[in-house]
């Protein structure tokens, strides 16, 4: 990739076509690729590059044969007490329990079965799902699912036909996260740094980094 500090860990060469068989799978069965890595490691960029290579970026959404889904769309609805913590930067969004993992499992199983799914967008400023902004995922040949903890739960990670881990050094990831969270998510510098040191960095080391070895 363009960023020399980014390293993609994968056990085999990524080779598949849009039509016909995908690494031995019939085309009617979606080829499910999991893309994991720490915060701001470049997961979305990797997914975009894959879609570009397969000529899917400029296609109408309903006609795409390669689609990308973010794990962030599966954050749990926060309780009033959790929302107050989130506003103060005291809620851990990087813990496995922050996600609705049962819904992730069911959604990926539906996708593999060729069932149309509806995925809500996530609003990072309000820390809530935007259920009025839905992306419909139609049956596709290749489905990319990216997030910090997509390989943490065995039942979920076992669904992926290919697993990629975007390995980027921590200084680079923090340097990317600070301006992103300030500009795009309405945070201030103290909020971003405190959240990173108290939750993001420890959670990466405990929950995300160990999954690198399975890729």
C-alpha atoms as a PDB file:
ATOM      1  CA  UNK A   1       0.000   0.000   0.000  1.00  0.00           C
ATOM      2  CA  UNK A   2       0.987   3.640  -0.248  1.00  0.00           C
ATOM      3  CA  UNK A   3       1.893   3.929   3.446  1.00  0.00           C
ATOM      4  CA  UNK A   4       5.146   2.078   3.994  1.00  0.00           C
ATOM      5  CA  UNK A   5       4.355   1.658   7.703  1.00  0.00           C
ATOM      6  CA  UNK A   6       1.340  -0.488   6.873  1.00  0.00           C
ATOM      7  CA  UNK A   7       1.798  -4.231   6.637  1.00  0.00           C
ATOM      8  CA  UNK A   8      -1.021  -6.582   5.689  1.00  0.00           C
ATOM      9  CA  UNK A   9      -0.774 -10.002   7.278  1.00  0.00           C
ATOM     10  CA  UNK A  10      -2.426 -12.787   5.303  1.00  0.00           C
ATOM     11  CA  UNK A  11      -1.671 -16.521   5.081  1.00  0.00           C
ATOM     12  CA  UNK A  12      -2.063 -16.844   1.339  1.00  0.00           C
ATOM     13  CA  UNK A  13      -2.157 -14.917  -1.888  1.00  0.00           C
ATOM     14  CA  UNK A  14      -5.430 -13.089  -2.412  1.00  0.00           C
ATOM     15  CA  UNK A  15      -6.724 -14.349  -5.731  1.00  0.00           C
ATOM     16  CA  UNK A  16     -10.315 -14.512  -6.794  1.00  0.00           C
ATOM     17  CA  UNK A  17     -12.517 -13.372  -9.625  1.00  0.00           C
ATOM     18  CA  UNK A  18     -15.885 -11.685  -9.594  1.00  0.00           C
ATOM     19  CA  UNK A  19     -17.464 -14.360 -11.756  1.00  0.00           C
ATOM     20  CA  UNK A  20     -17.285 -18.124 -11.498  1.00  0.00           C
ATOM     21  CA  UNK A  21     -15.629 -19.777  -8.538  1.00  0.00           C
ATOM     22  CA  UNK A  22     -13.941 -17.895  -5.708  1.00  0.00           C
ATOM     23  CA  UNK A  23     -11.109 -20.026  -4.326  1.00  0.00           C
ATOM     24  CA  UNK A  24     -13.164 -23.164  -4.821  1.00  0.00           C
ATOM     25  CA  UNK A  25     -16.500 -21.688  -3.738  1.00  0.00           C
ATOM     26  CA  UNK A  26     -19.408 -21.436  -6.122  1.00  0.00           C
ATOM     27  CA  UNK A  27     -20.151 -17.818  -7.039  1.00  0.00           C
ATOM     28  CA  UNK A  28     -23.578 -18.030  -5.376  1.00  0.00           C
ATOM     29  CA  UNK A  29     -21.764 -18.302  -2.042  1.00  0.00           C
ATOM     30  CA  UNK A  30     -20.264 -14.921  -1.057  1.00  0.00           C
ATOM     31  CA  UNK A  31     -16.519 -14.910  -0.411  1.00  0.00           C
ATOM     32  CA  UNK A  32     -16.225 -13.356   3.042  1.00  0.00           C
ATOM     33  CA  UNK A  33     -13.045 -11.417   3.853  1.00  0.00           C
ATOM     34  CA  UNK A  34     -12.345 -10.163   7.367  1.00  0.00           C
ATOM     35  CA  UNK A  35     -10.062  -7.131   7.708  1.00  0.00           C
ATOM     36  CA  UNK A  36      -8.804  -6.340  11.200  1.00  0.00           C
ATOM     37  CA  UNK A  37      -6.156  -4.159  12.812  1.00  0.00           C
ATOM     38  CA  UNK A  38      -5.819  -1.423  15.386  1.00  0.00           C
ATOM     39  CA  UNK A  39      -7.556   1.929  15.315  1.00  0.00           C
ATOM     40  CA  UNK A  40      -6.577   4.045  12.291  1.00  0.00           C
ATOM     41  CA  UNK A  41      -4.346   1.270  10.956  1.00  0.00           C
ATOM     42  CA  UNK A  42      -5.688   1.595   7.418  1.00  0.00           C
ATOM     43  CA  UNK A  43      -8.438  -1.044   7.367  1.00  0.00           C
ATOM     44  CA  UNK A  44     -10.843   1.107   5.374  1.00  0.00           C
ATOM     45  CA  UNK A  45      -8.066   1.997   2.931  1.00  0.00           C
ATOM     46  CA  UNK A  46      -7.282  -1.670   2.353  1.00  0.00           C
ATOM     47  CA  UNK A  47     -10.957  -2.399   1.699  1.00  0.00           C
ATOM     48  CA  UNK A  48     -11.177   0.518  -0.713  1.00  0.00           C
ATOM     49  CA  UNK A  49      -8.091  -0.686  -2.589  1.00  0.00           C
ATOM     50  CA  UNK A  50      -9.571  -4.155  -2.942  1.00  0.00           C
ATOM     51  CA  UNK A  51     -12.782  -2.674  -4.329  1.00  0.00           C
ATOM     52  CA  UNK A  52     -10.789  -0.470  -6.708  1.00  0.00           C
ATOM     53  CA  UNK A  53      -8.781  -3.439  -7.974  1.00  0.00           C
ATOM     54  CA  UNK A  54     -12.019  -5.265  -8.703  1.00  0.00           C
ATOM     55  CA  UNK A  55     -13.558  -2.242 -10.433  1.00  0.00           C
ATOM     56  CA  UNK A  56     -16.401  -1.854  -7.959  1.00  0.00           C
ATOM     57  CA  UNK A  57     -15.981   1.643  -6.458  1.00  0.00           C
ATOM     58  CA  UNK A  58     -17.858   3.627  -9.109  1.00  0.00           C
ATOM     59  CA  UNK A  59     -20.648   1.114  -9.591  1.00  0.00           C
ATOM     60  CA  UNK A  60     -24.203   1.651  -8.378  1.00  0.00           C
ATOM     61  CA  UNK A  61     -24.630   0.098  -4.930  1.00  0.00           C
ATOM     62  CA  UNK A  62     -27.345  -2.295  -6.084  1.00  0.00           C
ATOM     63  CA  UNK A  63     -25.086  -3.615  -8.856  1.00  0.00           C
ATOM     64  CA  UNK A  64     -21.912  -4.042  -6.848  1.00  0.00           C
ATOM     65  CA  UNK A  65     -20.516  -7.529  -6.563  1.00  0.00           C
ATOM     66  CA  UNK A  66     -18.097  -6.448  -3.821  1.00  0.00           C
ATOM     67  CA  UNK A  67     -19.423  -4.705  -0.709  1.00  0.00           C
ATOM     68  CA  UNK A  68     -17.830  -3.461   2.494  1.00  0.00           C
ATOM     69  CA  UNK A  69     -19.372  -3.468   5.974  1.00  0.00           C
ATOM     70  CA  UNK A  70     -17.922  -1.854   9.110  1.00  0.00           C
ATOM     71  CA  UNK A  71     -18.051  -3.481  12.524  1.00  0.00           C
ATOM     72  CA  UNK A  72     -18.842  -0.005  13.880  1.00  0.00           C
ATOM     73  CA  UNK A  73     -22.381  -0.415  12.526  1.00  0.00           C
ATOM     74  CA  UNK A  74     -22.875  -3.062  15.202  1.00  0.00           C
ATOM     75  CA  UNK A  75     -22.144  -1.032  18.313  1.00  0.00           C
ATOM     76  CA  UNK A  76     -24.706  -1.735  21.028  1.00  0.00           C
ATOM     77  CA  UNK A  77     -27.268   0.915  21.866  1.00  0.00           C
ATOM     78  CA  UNK A  78     -25.962   2.704  24.946  1.00  0.00           C
ATOM     79  CA  UNK A  79     -27.937   3.004  28.153  1.00  0.00           C
ATOM     80  CA  UNK A  80     -28.408   6.542  29.574  1.00  0.00           C
ATOM     81  CA  UNK A  81     -25.596   5.880  32.057  1.00  0.00           C
ATOM     82  CA  UNK A  82     -23.294   4.624  29.292  1.00  0.00           C
ATOM     83  CA  UNK A  83     -24.072   7.679  27.162  1.00  0.00           C
ATOM     84  CA  UNK A  84     -22.987   9.956  29.985  1.00  0.00           C
ATOM     85  CA  UNK A  85     -19.743   8.010  30.275  1.00  0.00           C
ATOM     86  CA  UNK A  86     -19.221   8.220  26.502  1.00  0.00           C
ATOM     87  CA  UNK A  87     -19.688  11.993  26.524  1.00  0.00           C
ATOM     88  CA  UNK A  88     -16.936  12.252  29.139  1.00  0.00           C
ATOM     89  CA  UNK A  89     -14.638   9.841  27.311  1.00  0.00           C
ATOM     90  CA  UNK A  90     -15.078   7.230  30.026  1.00  0.00           C
ATOM     91  CA  UNK A  91     -16.751   4.479  27.984  1.00  0.00           C
ATOM     92  CA  UNK A  92     -14.678   1.738  26.377  1.00  0.00           C
ATOM     93  CA  UNK A  93     -15.731   1.426  22.735  1.00  0.00           C
ATOM     94  CA  UNK A  94     -12.804  -0.924  22.083  1.00  0.00           C
ATOM     95  CA  UNK A  95     -13.975  -3.711  24.394  1.00  0.00           C
ATOM     96  CA  UNK A  96     -15.606  -6.793  22.798  1.00  0.00           C
ATOM     97  CA  UNK A  97     -18.764  -6.194  24.842  1.00  0.00           C
ATOM     98  CA  UNK A  98     -19.258  -2.806  23.153  1.00  0.00           C
ATOM     99  CA  UNK A  99     -20.524  -4.642  20.060  1.00  0.00           C
ATOM    100  CA  UNK A 100     -23.720  -6.592  19.451  1.00  0.00           C
ATOM    101  CA  UNK A 101     -21.840  -9.759  18.586  1.00  0.00           C
ATOM    102  CA  UNK A 102     -24.961 -11.907  18.287  1.00  0.00           C
ATOM    103  CA  UNK A 103     -26.226  -9.526  15.603  1.00  0.00           C
ATOM    104  CA  UNK A 104     -22.867  -9.595  13.821  1.00  0.00           C
ATOM    105  CA  UNK A 105     -22.961 -13.387  13.750  1.00  0.00           C
ATOM    106  CA  UNK A 106     -26.544 -13.492  12.485  1.00  0.00           C
ATOM    107  CA  UNK A 107     -25.877 -10.836   9.831  1.00  0.00           C
ATOM    108  CA  UNK A 108     -22.817 -12.606   8.453  1.00  0.00           C
ATOM    109  CA  UNK A 109     -24.680 -15.916   8.408  1.00  0.00           C
ATOM    110  CA  UNK A 110     -27.508 -14.234   6.492  1.00  0.00           C
ATOM    111  CA  UNK A 111     -25.029 -12.733   4.024  1.00  0.00           C
ATOM    112  CA  UNK A 112     -23.450 -16.138   3.417  1.00  0.00           C
ATOM    113  CA  UNK A 113     -26.934 -17.520   2.801  1.00  0.00           C
ATOM    114  CA  UNK A 114     -27.577 -14.827   0.183  1.00  0.00           C
ATOM    115  CA  UNK A 115     -30.134 -12.976   2.296  1.00  0.00           C
ATOM    116  CA  UNK A 116     -30.534  -9.218   1.781  1.00  0.00           C
ATOM    117  CA  UNK A 117     -29.481  -7.315   4.921  1.00  0.00           C
ATOM    118  CA  UNK A 118     -29.972  -3.768   6.177  1.00  0.00           C
ATOM    119  CA  UNK A 119     -27.052  -2.117   7.979  1.00  0.00           C
ATOM    120  CA  UNK A 120     -27.456   1.192   9.870  1.00  0.00           C
ATOM    121  CA  UNK A 121     -24.816   3.922   9.769  1.00  0.00           C
ATOM    122  CA  UNK A 122     -23.055   4.939  12.975  1.00  0.00           C
ATOM    123  CA  UNK A 123     -22.844   8.539  14.199  1.00  0.00           C
ATOM    124  CA  UNK A 124     -19.553   9.018  16.054  1.00  0.00           C
ATOM    125  CA  UNK A 125     -20.543  12.465  17.303  1.00  0.00           C
ATOM    126  CA  UNK A 126     -23.646  11.248  19.143  1.00  0.00           C
ATOM    127  CA  UNK A 127     -22.330   7.711  19.775  1.00  0.00           C
ATOM    128  CA  UNK A 128     -25.485   6.174  18.351  1.00  0.00           C
ATOM    129  CA  UNK A 129     -26.747   4.187  15.389  1.00  0.00           C
ATOM    130  CA  UNK A 130     -28.564   6.216  12.741  1.00  0.00           C
ATOM    131  CA  UNK A 131     -31.439   3.863  12.091  1.00  0.00           C
ATOM    132  CA  UNK A 132     -32.906   6.297   9.556  1.00  0.00           C
ATOM    133  CA  UNK A 133     -29.756   5.926   7.425  1.00  0.00           C
ATOM    134  CA  UNK A 134     -29.751   2.332   6.279  1.00  0.00           C
ATOM    135  CA  UNK A 135     -27.505   0.675   3.711  1.00  0.00           C
ATOM    136  CA  UNK A 136     -29.077  -2.364   2.088  1.00  0.00           C
ATOM    137  CA  UNK A 137     -26.584  -5.144   1.436  1.00  0.00           C
ATOM    138  CA  UNK A 138     -27.679  -7.140  -1.578  1.00  0.00           C
ATOM    139  CA  UNK A 139     -26.293 -10.607  -2.389  1.00  0.00           C
ATOM    140  CA  UNK A 140     -22.720 -10.127  -3.620  1.00  0.00           C
ATOM    141  CA  UNK A 141     -19.758 -12.217  -4.722  1.00  0.00           C
ATOM    142  CA  UNK A 142     -17.292 -10.711  -2.242  1.00  0.00           C
ATOM    143  CA  UNK A 143     -18.092  -9.172   1.150  1.00  0.00           C
ATOM    144  CA  UNK A 144     -15.488  -7.259   3.161  1.00  0.00           C
ATOM    145  CA  UNK A 145     -16.099  -6.932   6.897  1.00  0.00           C
ATOM    146  CA  UNK A 146     -13.685  -4.591   8.673  1.00  0.00           C
ATOM    147  CA  UNK A 147     -13.192  -3.681  12.307  1.00  0.00           C
ATOM    148  CA  UNK A 148     -10.887  -3.802  15.298  1.00  0.00           C
ATOM    149  CA  UNK A 149     -12.318  -7.009  16.767  1.00  0.00           C
ATOM    150  CA  UNK A 150     -13.723  -8.964  13.829  1.00  0.00           C
ATOM    151  CA  UNK A 151     -11.585 -12.002  14.722  1.00  0.00           C
ATOM    152  CA  UNK A 152     -12.047 -11.934  18.498  1.00  0.00           C
ATOM    153  CA  UNK A 153     -15.008 -14.308  18.805  1.00  0.00           C
ATOM    154  CA  UNK A 154     -14.361 -17.785  17.329  1.00  0.00           C
ATOM    155  CA  UNK A 155     -17.901 -18.244  15.975  1.00  0.00           C
ATOM    156  CA  UNK A 156     -17.559 -15.038  13.985  1.00  0.00           C
ATOM    157  CA  UNK A 157     -13.977 -15.439  12.766  1.00  0.00           C
ATOM    158  CA  UNK A 158     -14.637 -19.006  11.621  1.00  0.00           C
ATOM    159  CA  UNK A 159     -17.067 -17.645   9.023  1.00  0.00           C
ATOM    160  CA  UNK A 160     -14.354 -15.811   7.072  1.00  0.00           C
ATOM    161  CA  UNK A 161     -12.814 -17.428   4.009  1.00  0.00           C
ATOM    162  CA  UNK A 162      -9.859 -15.033   4.238  1.00  0.00           C
ATOM    163  CA  UNK A 163      -8.461 -13.050   7.158  1.00  0.00           C
ATOM    164  CA  UNK A 164      -6.312  -9.930   6.772  1.00  0.00           C
ATOM    165  CA  UNK A 165      -4.627  -8.028   9.597  1.00  0.00           C
ATOM    166  CA  UNK A 166      -3.439  -4.495   8.833  1.00  0.00           C
ATOM    167  CA  UNK A 167      -0.354  -4.095  11.004  1.00  0.00           C
ATOM    168  CA  UNK A 168       0.620  -0.429  11.423  1.00  0.00           C
ATOM    169  CA  UNK A 169       2.942   0.914  14.124  1.00  0.00           C
ATOM    170  CA  UNK A 170       1.285   2.551  17.127  1.00  0.00           C
ATOM    171  CA  UNK A 171       2.813   6.003  16.606  1.00  0.00           C
ATOM    172  CA  UNK A 172       1.415   6.180  13.091  1.00  0.00           C
ATOM    173  CA  UNK A 173      -2.000   5.019  14.232  1.00  0.00           C
ATOM    174  CA  UNK A 174      -2.170   7.623  16.997  1.00  0.00           C
ATOM    175  CA  UNK A 175      -0.956  10.348  14.618  1.00  0.00           C
ATOM    176  CA  UNK A 176      -3.837   9.442  12.292  1.00  0.00           C
ATOM    177  CA  UNK A 177      -6.448   9.074  15.015  1.00  0.00           C
ATOM    178  CA  UNK A 178      -5.922  12.479  16.641  1.00  0.00           C
ATOM    179  CA  UNK A 179      -6.768  14.680  13.618  1.00  0.00           C
ATOM    180  CA  UNK A 180      -9.494  12.271  12.473  1.00  0.00           C
ATOM    181  CA  UNK A 181     -11.325  12.294  15.792  1.00  0.00           C
ATOM    182  CA  UNK A 182     -10.985  16.060  16.169  1.00  0.00           C
ATOM    183  CA  UNK A 183     -12.120  16.895  12.632  1.00  0.00           C
ATOM    184  CA  UNK A 184     -14.631  14.153  11.869  1.00  0.00           C
ATOM    185  CA  UNK A 185     -15.936  13.191  15.306  1.00  0.00           C
ATOM    186  CA  UNK A 186     -16.012  16.506  17.159  1.00  0.00           C
ATOM    187  CA  UNK A 187     -13.535  15.543  19.895  1.00  0.00           C
ATOM    188  CA  UNK A 188     -10.971  17.780  21.535  1.00  0.00           C
ATOM    189  CA  UNK A 189      -7.324  16.833  21.968  1.00  0.00           C
ATOM    190  CA  UNK A 190      -7.558  15.957  25.670  1.00  0.00           C
ATOM    191  CA  UNK A 191     -10.567  13.706  25.009  1.00  0.00           C
ATOM    192  CA  UNK A 192      -8.757  11.847  22.217  1.00  0.00           C
ATOM    193  CA  UNK A 193      -5.525  11.339  24.150  1.00  0.00           C
ATOM    194  CA  UNK A 194      -7.233  10.284  27.381  1.00  0.00           C
ATOM    195  CA  UNK A 195      -9.466   7.832  25.538  1.00  0.00           C
ATOM    196  CA  UNK A 196      -6.476   6.421  23.686  1.00  0.00           C
ATOM    197  CA  UNK A 197      -4.350   5.905  26.803  1.00  0.00           C
ATOM    198  CA  UNK A 198      -7.160   4.615  29.044  1.00  0.00           C
ATOM    199  CA  UNK A 199      -9.078   2.412  26.614  1.00  0.00           C
ATOM    200  CA  UNK A 200      -7.851   2.219  23.013  1.00  0.00           C
ATOM    201  CA  UNK A 201      -4.220   1.228  23.616  1.00  0.00           C
ATOM    202  CA  UNK A 202      -4.906  -1.313  26.411  1.00  0.00           C
ATOM    203  CA  UNK A 203      -7.789  -2.873  24.466  1.00  0.00           C
ATOM    204  CA  UNK A 204      -5.650  -3.179  21.337  1.00  0.00           C
ATOM    205  CA  UNK A 205      -2.971  -5.040  23.266  1.00  0.00           C
ATOM    206  CA  UNK A 206      -5.449  -7.299  25.086  1.00  0.00           C
ATOM    207  CA  UNK A 207      -8.095  -8.032  22.460  1.00  0.00           C
ATOM    208  CA  UNK A 208      -6.996  -7.000  18.954  1.00  0.00           C
ATOM    209  CA  UNK A 209      -3.270  -7.709  18.646  1.00  0.00           C
ATOM    210  CA  UNK A 210      -3.541 -11.378  19.759  1.00  0.00           C
ATOM    211  CA  UNK A 211      -5.821 -12.057  16.770  1.00  0.00           C
ATOM    212  CA  UNK A 212      -2.971 -11.195  14.394  1.00  0.00           C
ATOM    213  CA  UNK A 213      -1.562 -14.694  14.834  1.00  0.00           C
ATOM    214  CA  UNK A 214      -4.614 -16.317  13.244  1.00  0.00           C
ATOM    215  CA  UNK A 215      -4.196 -14.363   9.998  1.00  0.00           C
END
